[in-house]
Protein backbone atom coordinates (compact mmCIF):
# COMPACT_ATOMS: atom_id res chain seq x y z
CA UNK A 1 -20.66 -78.49 0.42
CA UNK A 2 -21.58 -74.96 2.57
CA UNK A 3 -24.31 -73.68 4.84
CA UNK A 4 -26.64 -73.46 1.80
CA UNK A 5 -26.20 -77.32 0.39
CA UNK A 6 -26.70 -77.17 -3.38
CA UNK A 7 -29.94 -77.80 -5.22
CA UNK A 8 -28.55 -77.99 -8.34
CA UNK A 9 -26.14 -81.34 -9.62
CA UNK A 10 -24.11 -81.67 -12.51
CA UNK A 11 -22.62 -85.31 -13.29
CA UNK A 12 -19.98 -85.63 -16.18
CA UNK A 13 -20.59 -88.65 -18.28
CA UNK A 14 -17.50 -88.60 -20.13
CA UNK A 15 -17.70 -91.48 -22.95
CA UNK A 16 -17.73 -90.62 -26.70
CA UNK A 17 -17.69 -93.36 -29.62
CA UNK A 18 -15.23 -90.93 -31.06
CA UNK A 19 -13.41 -87.82 -30.62
CA UNK A 20 -14.65 -84.56 -32.64
CA UNK A 21 -11.96 -82.53 -34.41
CA UNK A 22 -12.78 -79.83 -31.84
CA UNK A 23 -12.98 -81.27 -28.74
CA UNK A 24 -11.12 -80.48 -25.65
CA UNK A 25 -13.42 -82.09 -23.06
CA UNK A 26 -12.56 -84.22 -20.45
CA UNK A 27 -13.69 -86.97 -22.93
CA UNK A 28 -12.86 -91.23 -23.15
CA UNK A 29 -13.09 -92.82 -26.08
CA UNK A 30 -15.64 -96.42 -25.53
CA UNK A 31 -18.02 -97.15 -28.33
CA UNK A 32 -20.17 -99.24 -26.07
CA UNK A 33 -19.17 -97.89 -22.81
CA UNK A 34 -20.41 -100.16 -19.71
CA UNK A 35 -22.77 -97.85 -17.57
CA UNK A 36 -21.57 -99.65 -14.62
CA UNK A 37 -18.27 -98.68 -14.02
CA UNK A 38 -19.81 -95.35 -14.29
CA UNK A 39 -22.98 -95.37 -12.20
CA UNK A 40 -20.18 -97.39 -8.98
CA UNK A 41 -17.46 -94.34 -9.69
CA UNK A 42 -20.21 -91.49 -9.21
CA UNK A 43 -22.31 -93.42 -6.44
CA UNK A 44 -18.37 -93.49 -4.37
CA UNK A 45 -18.07 -89.78 -4.75
CA UNK A 46 -21.08 -88.99 -3.38
CA UNK A 47 -20.98 -91.05 -0.66
CA UNK A 48 -17.77 -89.35 0.30
CA UNK A 49 -18.97 -86.06 -0.18
CA UNK A 50 -21.82 -86.93 2.21
CA UNK A 51 -19.99 -88.17 4.57
CA UNK A 52 -17.89 -85.20 5.03
CA UNK A 53 -20.92 -83.04 4.95
CA UNK A 54 -20.65 -81.42 1.20
CA UNK A 55 -23.91 -83.54 -0.06
CA UNK A 56 -26.66 -82.23 -2.42
CA UNK A 57 -29.64 -81.12 -0.58
CA UNK A 58 -32.67 -83.14 0.18
CA UNK A 59 -34.16 -82.23 -2.82
CA UNK A 60 -33.09 -80.83 -6.17
CA UNK A 61 -34.50 -78.00 -8.05
CA UNK A 62 -32.11 -79.19 -11.35
CA UNK A 63 -30.06 -82.47 -12.23
CA UNK A 64 -27.70 -82.10 -15.48
CA UNK A 65 -25.88 -84.69 -17.18
CA UNK A 66 -23.04 -83.65 -19.21
CA UNK A 67 -20.77 -85.24 -21.57
CA UNK A 68 -19.71 -86.98 -23.14
CA UNK A 69 -22.49 -88.81 -24.46
CA UNK A 70 -24.65 -89.40 -21.91
CA UNK A 71 -27.24 -91.42 -24.30
CA UNK A 72 -24.29 -94.07 -25.23
CA UNK A 73 -24.74 -95.44 -21.15
CA UNK A 74 -28.08 -96.71 -22.48
CA UNK A 75 -31.74 -96.69 -21.66
CA UNK A 76 -31.04 -98.15 -17.97
CA UNK A 77 -28.59 -95.51 -16.98
CA UNK A 78 -30.54 -92.78 -15.52
CA UNK A 79 -32.46 -94.71 -13.62
CA UNK A 80 -29.52 -96.12 -12.02
CA UNK A 81 -28.56 -92.17 -11.43
CA UNK A 82 -31.75 -91.31 -9.97
CA UNK A 83 -31.24 -94.69 -7.46
CA UNK A 84 -27.87 -93.77 -6.58
CA UNK A 85 -28.74 -90.29 -5.76
CA UNK A 86 -31.96 -90.78 -3.76
CA UNK A 87 -35.40 -90.64 -5.23
CA UNK A 88 -36.30 -88.70 -3.10
CA UNK A 89 -33.98 -85.95 -5.09
CA UNK A 90 -35.09 -86.21 -8.22
CA UNK A 91 -39.00 -87.45 -8.03
CA UNK A 92 -40.04 -84.09 -7.23
CA UNK A 93 -42.18 -82.90 -10.79
CA UNK A 94 -41.00 -79.71 -10.37
CA UNK A 95 -37.54 -80.96 -10.68
CA UNK A 96 -35.80 -79.83 -14.47
CA UNK A 97 -33.68 -82.89 -15.24
CA UNK A 98 -31.65 -82.79 -18.53
CA UNK A 99 -29.03 -85.17 -20.42
CA UNK A 100 -26.96 -84.49 -23.18
CA UNK A 101 -28.05 -87.00 -26.47
CA UNK A 102 -26.07 -87.36 -29.87
CA UNK A 103 -28.27 -88.17 -32.59
CA UNK A 104 -27.19 -91.27 -33.40
CA UNK A 105 -27.15 -93.14 -29.81
CA UNK A 106 -30.67 -91.34 -28.71
CA UNK A 107 -32.92 -94.13 -29.47
CA UNK A 108 -36.44 -94.79 -29.40
CA UNK A 109 -35.62 -97.30 -26.23
CA UNK A 110 -32.79 -94.98 -24.24
CA UNK A 111 -35.62 -92.05 -24.96
CA UNK A 112 -38.52 -94.27 -22.96
CA UNK A 113 -35.79 -95.23 -20.75
CA UNK A 114 -34.75 -91.99 -19.30
CA UNK A 115 -38.35 -90.91 -19.61
CA UNK A 116 -39.35 -93.37 -16.79
CA UNK A 117 -36.29 -92.68 -14.80
CA UNK A 118 -37.30 -89.27 -14.93
CA UNK A 119 -35.51 -86.78 -17.44
CA UNK A 120 -37.82 -83.85 -18.71
CA UNK A 121 -35.47 -82.17 -20.96
CA UNK A 122 -32.38 -83.63 -23.22
CA UNK A 123 -29.63 -81.10 -24.72
CA UNK A 124 -29.23 -82.63 -28.30
CA UNK A 125 -25.73 -81.92 -29.71
CA UNK A 126 -26.88 -81.32 -33.87
CA UNK A 127 -23.99 -79.09 -34.02
CA UNK A 128 -24.82 -78.87 -38.12
CA UNK A 129 -27.52 -80.48 -40.39
CA UNK A 130 -24.22 -80.59 -43.85
CA UNK A 131 -23.04 -83.75 -44.09
CA UNK A 132 -19.78 -82.33 -45.42
CA UNK A 133 -19.65 -80.57 -42.23
CA UNK A 134 -20.70 -83.66 -40.05
CA UNK A 135 -17.85 -85.46 -41.11
CA UNK A 136 -15.19 -83.12 -41.21
CA UNK A 137 -16.13 -82.82 -37.46
CA UNK A 138 -16.31 -86.33 -36.91
CA UNK A 139 -19.68 -86.09 -35.69
CA UNK A 140 -21.35 -89.97 -36.57
CA UNK A 141 -24.92 -88.72 -37.44
CA UNK A 142 -26.66 -87.78 -40.97
CA UNK A 143 -28.06 -84.77 -41.95
CA UNK A 144 -30.95 -86.91 -40.85
CA UNK A 145 -30.12 -87.53 -37.38
CA UNK A 146 -31.27 -84.77 -35.33
CA UNK A 147 -34.97 -85.06 -36.95
CA UNK A 148 -34.87 -89.22 -36.09
CA UNK A 149 -33.57 -88.27 -32.52
CA UNK A 150 -36.22 -84.92 -31.31
CA UNK A 151 -38.79 -88.07 -32.64
CA UNK A 152 -38.00 -90.46 -30.80
CA UNK A 153 -37.62 -88.08 -27.42
CA UNK A 154 -40.95 -87.02 -28.60
CA UNK A 155 -42.69 -90.48 -28.83
CA UNK A 156 -41.06 -91.00 -25.33
CA UNK A 157 -42.95 -87.90 -24.37
CA UNK A 158 -39.93 -85.89 -23.90
CA UNK A 159 -40.83 -82.24 -25.69
CA UNK A 160 -38.38 -79.98 -23.46
CA UNK A 161 -35.57 -80.18 -26.12
CA UNK A 162 -32.54 -78.40 -26.74
CA UNK A 163 -30.20 -78.47 -29.94
CA UNK A 164 -26.94 -77.37 -30.45
CA UNK A 165 -25.33 -75.32 -33.24
CA UNK A 166 -21.45 -74.34 -34.09
CA UNK A 167 -20.64 -71.82 -36.24
CA UNK A 168 -17.59 -70.03 -37.55
CA UNK A 169 -15.97 -73.42 -39.25
CA UNK A 170 -13.20 -72.94 -41.36
CA UNK A 171 -13.10 -71.90 -44.47
CA UNK A 172 -12.41 -75.25 -46.20
CA UNK A 173 -15.48 -76.86 -44.68
CA UNK A 174 -18.41 -76.58 -47.41
CA UNK A 175 -21.13 -75.20 -44.79
CA UNK A 176 -24.47 -73.05 -45.82
CA UNK A 177 -25.19 -71.62 -42.25
CA UNK A 178 -28.79 -70.24 -43.48
CA UNK A 179 -29.56 -74.17 -44.36
CA UNK A 180 -28.47 -74.72 -41.25
CA UNK A 181 -30.98 -72.60 -39.14
CA UNK A 182 -34.06 -73.58 -41.26
CA UNK A 183 -33.47 -77.11 -40.63
CA UNK A 184 -33.74 -76.26 -36.56
CA UNK A 185 -36.03 -73.81 -37.20
CA UNK A 186 -38.30 -76.88 -38.42
CA UNK A 187 -37.28 -79.14 -36.04
CA UNK A 188 -39.60 -76.62 -33.70
CA UNK A 189 -37.58 -77.18 -30.37
CA UNK A 190 -38.16 -74.53 -27.42
CA UNK A 191 -34.24 -73.94 -27.28
CA UNK A 192 -31.49 -73.35 -29.37
CA UNK A 193 -27.97 -73.02 -28.23
CA UNK A 194 -25.28 -71.69 -30.72
CA UNK A 195 -21.67 -71.79 -30.21
CA UNK A 196 -18.61 -70.77 -32.05
CA UNK A 197 -15.69 -73.36 -33.02
CA UNK A 198 -12.87 -72.47 -31.50
CA UNK A 199 -9.63 -73.83 -31.49
CA UNK A 200 -7.82 -75.26 -28.34
CA UNK A 201 -4.73 -76.18 -27.85
CA UNK A 202 -3.80 -80.61 -28.38
CA UNK A 203 -7.40 -80.96 -30.25
CA UNK A 204 -7.30 -82.69 -33.80
CA UNK A 205 -8.09 -78.89 -34.98
CA UNK A 206 -5.20 -77.19 -33.09
CA UNK A 207 -2.51 -79.60 -34.79
CA UNK A 208 -4.09 -79.18 -38.75
CA UNK A 209 -3.63 -75.20 -38.01
CA UNK A 210 -0.01 -76.02 -36.84
CA UNK A 211 0.32 -77.70 -39.90
CA UNK A 212 -1.26 -75.81 -42.67
CA UNK A 213 -4.21 -78.17 -43.13
CA UNK A 214 -7.14 -75.75 -41.86
CA UNK A 215 -7.50 -72.22 -41.74
CA UNK A 216 -10.04 -70.57 -38.78
CA UNK A 217 -12.54 -68.73 -39.97
CA UNK A 218 -12.01 -65.30 -40.45
CA UNK A 219 -13.52 -62.92 -37.44
CA UNK A 220 -15.40 -61.58 -40.22
CA UNK A 221 -17.48 -64.69 -40.64
CA UNK A 222 -17.79 -65.18 -36.64
CA UNK A 223 -19.43 -61.92 -36.36
CA UNK A 224 -21.83 -62.15 -39.45
CA UNK A 225 -22.81 -65.88 -38.27
CA UNK A 226 -23.56 -65.21 -35.04
CA UNK A 227 -25.61 -61.88 -36.05
CA UNK A 228 -27.68 -63.70 -38.32
CA UNK A 229 -28.49 -67.04 -35.89
CA UNK A 230 -29.76 -64.11 -33.59
CA UNK A 231 -31.99 -62.57 -36.06
CA UNK A 232 -33.04 -65.25 -37.43
CA UNK A 233 -34.05 -67.21 -34.45
CA UNK A 234 -35.41 -63.82 -32.49
CA UNK A 235 -37.90 -63.58 -35.35
CA UNK A 236 -39.08 -66.50 -34.88
CA UNK A 237 -40.86 -66.20 -31.21
CA UNK A 238 -37.07 -67.16 -29.15
CA UNK A 239 -35.76 -64.90 -26.52
CA UNK A 240 -32.04 -64.17 -26.91
CA UNK A 241 -31.75 -64.29 -23.35
CA UNK A 242 -27.93 -65.11 -23.21
CA UNK A 243 -24.98 -64.75 -25.24
CA UNK A 244 -25.42 -67.93 -26.40
CA UNK A 245 -28.68 -69.45 -25.64
CA UNK A 246 -32.31 -68.88 -27.10
CA UNK A 247 -35.71 -70.14 -25.67
CA UNK A 248 -39.46 -69.54 -26.43
CA UNK A 249 -41.13 -68.10 -23.70
CA UNK A 250 -40.68 -70.72 -20.33
CA UNK A 251 -37.71 -72.75 -22.09
CA UNK A 252 -35.25 -71.32 -20.49
CA UNK A 253 -32.41 -73.53 -19.08
CA UNK A 254 -32.93 -73.38 -15.26
CA UNK A 255 -29.93 -75.25 -14.57
CA UNK A 256 -27.38 -72.68 -16.35
CA UNK A 257 -28.92 -69.74 -14.59
CA UNK A 258 -27.55 -71.61 -11.73
CA UNK A 259 -23.83 -71.41 -12.77
CA UNK A 260 -24.78 -67.47 -14.36
CA UNK A 261 -26.07 -66.63 -11.14
CA UNK A 262 -23.68 -67.66 -8.82
CA UNK A 263 -25.68 -69.98 -6.35
CA UNK A 264 -23.61 -73.43 -5.40
CA UNK A 265 -24.08 -76.39 -7.37
CA UNK A 266 -22.34 -79.86 -6.87
CA UNK A 267 -20.40 -81.19 -9.67
CA UNK A 268 -19.64 -85.02 -9.83
CA UNK A 269 -18.06 -87.28 -12.07
CA UNK A 270 -14.24 -86.65 -13.88
CA UNK A 271 -13.77 -83.08 -14.50
CA UNK A 272 -16.80 -81.96 -13.17
CA UNK A 273 -16.88 -78.46 -11.16
CA UNK A 274 -18.25 -77.88 -7.92
CA UNK A 275 -19.15 -74.02 -6.03
CA UNK A 276 -20.24 -73.23 -2.62
CA UNK A 277 -19.27 -69.82 -2.42
CA UNK A 278 -16.16 -68.42 -2.56
CA UNK A 279 -14.61 -71.65 -3.14
CA UNK A 280 -14.95 -73.64 -6.25
CA UNK A 281 -13.29 -77.16 -7.04
CA UNK A 282 -12.55 -79.54 -9.64
CA UNK A 283 -12.18 -83.45 -10.07
CA UNK A 284 -9.48 -84.64 -12.26
CA UNK A 285 -10.38 -84.87 -15.80
CA UNK A 286 -9.28 -88.30 -16.62
CA UNK A 287 -11.53 -91.06 -16.18
CA UNK A 288 -8.92 -93.70 -15.41
CA UNK A 289 -7.45 -91.66 -12.54
CA UNK A 290 -10.87 -90.59 -11.31
CA UNK A 291 -12.24 -94.21 -11.68
CA UNK A 292 -8.75 -95.34 -9.42
CA UNK A 293 -9.20 -92.56 -7.13
CA UNK A 294 -12.76 -93.53 -5.53
CA UNK A 295 -11.66 -97.67 -6.36
CA UNK A 296 -9.32 -96.79 -3.04
CA UNK A 297 -11.25 -94.48 -0.99
CA UNK A 298 -10.11 -91.03 -2.31
CA UNK A 299 -11.80 -87.46 -3.19
CA UNK A 300 -10.58 -87.20 -6.99
CA UNK A 301 -10.24 -83.65 -6.48
CA UNK A 302 -7.24 -81.99 -8.29
CA UNK A 303 -7.40 -78.22 -7.41
CA UNK A 304 -9.62 -75.91 -6.00
CA UNK A 305 -9.59 -71.92 -5.95
CA UNK A 306 -11.33 -69.01 -3.61
CA UNK A 307 -13.34 -66.53 -5.61
CA UNK A 308 -13.21 -63.27 -3.28
CA UNK A 309 -12.58 -59.36 -3.59
CA UNK A 310 -11.32 -58.32 -7.18
CA UNK A 311 -11.59 -61.23 -9.20
CA UNK A 312 -15.56 -62.33 -7.19
CA UNK A 313 -16.34 -58.98 -8.91
CA UNK A 314 -14.75 -59.32 -12.17
CA UNK A 315 -16.78 -62.57 -12.33
CA UNK A 316 -19.83 -61.23 -10.94
CA UNK A 317 -19.77 -58.35 -14.18
CA UNK A 318 -19.41 -61.03 -16.54
CA UNK A 319 -21.67 -63.36 -15.85
CA UNK A 320 -24.46 -60.76 -15.09
CA UNK A 321 -23.38 -58.97 -18.69
CA UNK A 322 -23.95 -62.18 -20.73
CA UNK A 323 -27.09 -62.61 -19.85
CA UNK A 324 -30.47 -60.60 -21.04
CA UNK A 325 -30.80 -59.64 -17.43
CA UNK A 326 -27.45 -57.54 -17.44
CA UNK A 327 -26.86 -54.94 -14.65
CA UNK A 328 -28.86 -52.52 -12.38
CA UNK A 329 -28.50 -49.22 -13.67
CA UNK A 330 -29.42 -47.45 -10.57
CA UNK A 331 -26.32 -46.76 -7.95
CA UNK A 332 -23.17 -47.41 -10.91
CA UNK A 333 -20.41 -45.09 -9.94
CA UNK A 334 -20.02 -41.63 -12.35
CA UNK A 335 -17.23 -43.41 -14.36
CA UNK A 336 -19.48 -46.93 -15.09
CA UNK A 337 -22.46 -44.93 -16.30
CA UNK A 338 -20.82 -43.35 -18.15
CA UNK A 339 -19.28 -45.63 -19.60
CA UNK A 340 -22.60 -47.62 -19.94
CA UNK A 341 -23.95 -45.04 -21.99
CA UNK A 342 -21.43 -45.08 -23.96
CA UNK A 343 -22.28 -48.42 -25.12
CA UNK A 344 -25.74 -47.93 -25.88
CA UNK A 345 -24.86 -44.89 -27.96
CA UNK A 346 -22.42 -47.70 -29.68
CA UNK A 347 -25.09 -50.14 -30.25
CA UNK A 348 -22.90 -52.46 -27.90
CA UNK A 349 -25.57 -52.09 -25.09
CA UNK A 350 -29.45 -50.51 -24.14
CA UNK A 351 -30.95 -49.43 -21.27
CA UNK A 352 -34.16 -49.03 -20.02
CA UNK A 353 -33.83 -46.90 -16.81
CA UNK A 354 -33.45 -49.93 -14.84
CA UNK A 355 -31.30 -51.77 -16.43
CA UNK A 356 -28.17 -52.33 -18.47
CA UNK A 357 -28.01 -55.08 -21.17
CA UNK A 358 -26.04 -55.94 -24.05
CA UNK A 359 -26.96 -56.06 -27.64
CA UNK A 360 -25.74 -58.90 -29.56
CA UNK A 361 -23.44 -56.55 -31.29
CA UNK A 362 -22.38 -55.96 -27.30
CA UNK A 363 -21.48 -59.90 -26.44
CA UNK A 364 -19.47 -60.14 -29.27
CA UNK A 365 -16.64 -57.96 -27.68
CA UNK A 366 -18.10 -59.04 -24.00
CA UNK A 367 -15.11 -59.87 -23.00
CA UNK A 368 -13.42 -56.46 -23.29
CA UNK A 369 -16.39 -54.78 -22.29
CA UNK A 370 -16.74 -56.20 -18.91
CA UNK A 371 -12.34 -55.97 -18.44
CA UNK A 372 -13.68 -51.76 -19.07
CA UNK A 373 -16.23 -51.86 -16.68
CA UNK A 374 -14.70 -53.58 -13.99
CA UNK A 375 -12.17 -50.79 -14.46
CA UNK A 376 -14.49 -47.90 -14.34
CA UNK A 377 -16.02 -49.47 -10.93
CA UNK A 378 -12.17 -48.88 -9.59
CA UNK A 379 -12.21 -45.29 -10.26
CA UNK A 380 -15.57 -45.15 -8.42
């Protein structure tokens, strides 16, 4: 890919048993997908990249299998993935190997197979513990599903677990956010991710909104639920280390940190993105088109861009502000330093003399703050 081969790889598994009402991801609906065509296609893409000198490093620091629902592919799929990547790349005990799962398909058999293959971190798509909310979303598990899945993972020896929750559901959905926060704390997992619901064009939710059958949550509810979660999780010992992520000490997502720091990464699979500074490229989103391209010996690339100059500076500022590391206070241009002081006075940021970090209040308006800061840099 570049002079610095990527030491972090993302692999996309696009299969879902059902498309959720809000989903805009690169997924294809299959209730019982066969892992073999997926493995063949990923292997073919990797071979093309390696022949072009764009393959990953000989040893990986992180591997992330996302989706879609990777747990639908069964107990042996991760062993197959390890084989095609090359066991030398993934057999380091220090690797962080994450795979995403939904509660209903993370069985004891799947968890055991994943652990044997080398998976040592699971990201579980719980989203809610409310039966009514789960039905509205189109999720296939019930309120007890996350607990059963967590138990299965722990029985297999995988204790580095993350649970996803969605907040700011539409007005008509009966959901007790406080109860969901209590439920996720009861799971006693080391990592929690929060996602505010957005209405993406072309989704079933978008159609419901257009037809007047659903109304997005008011901005005030979005703010209230986000800040409440930040308070509850922080009080329970979680570090709010990124706008959407909370971890107990030592359990931050190392793979996601690669994205936030601007380091190179390689994406395999339909819709996957890769970054070899300054070039970002991405694959076709449609699984059938991805598979067909590789069957014909063609790379499934759909587009690319160079991130340079002002665009690169804006992106770096945005990525830095979204983490608890923030930006360096030393060397800020006068206009940017004055802006940071105003943020601190408004409760949007805090400074300790060396770094400027956004608060949860600041993260709620991070996009605006990033644009303001970039403009201040331009003023010199």
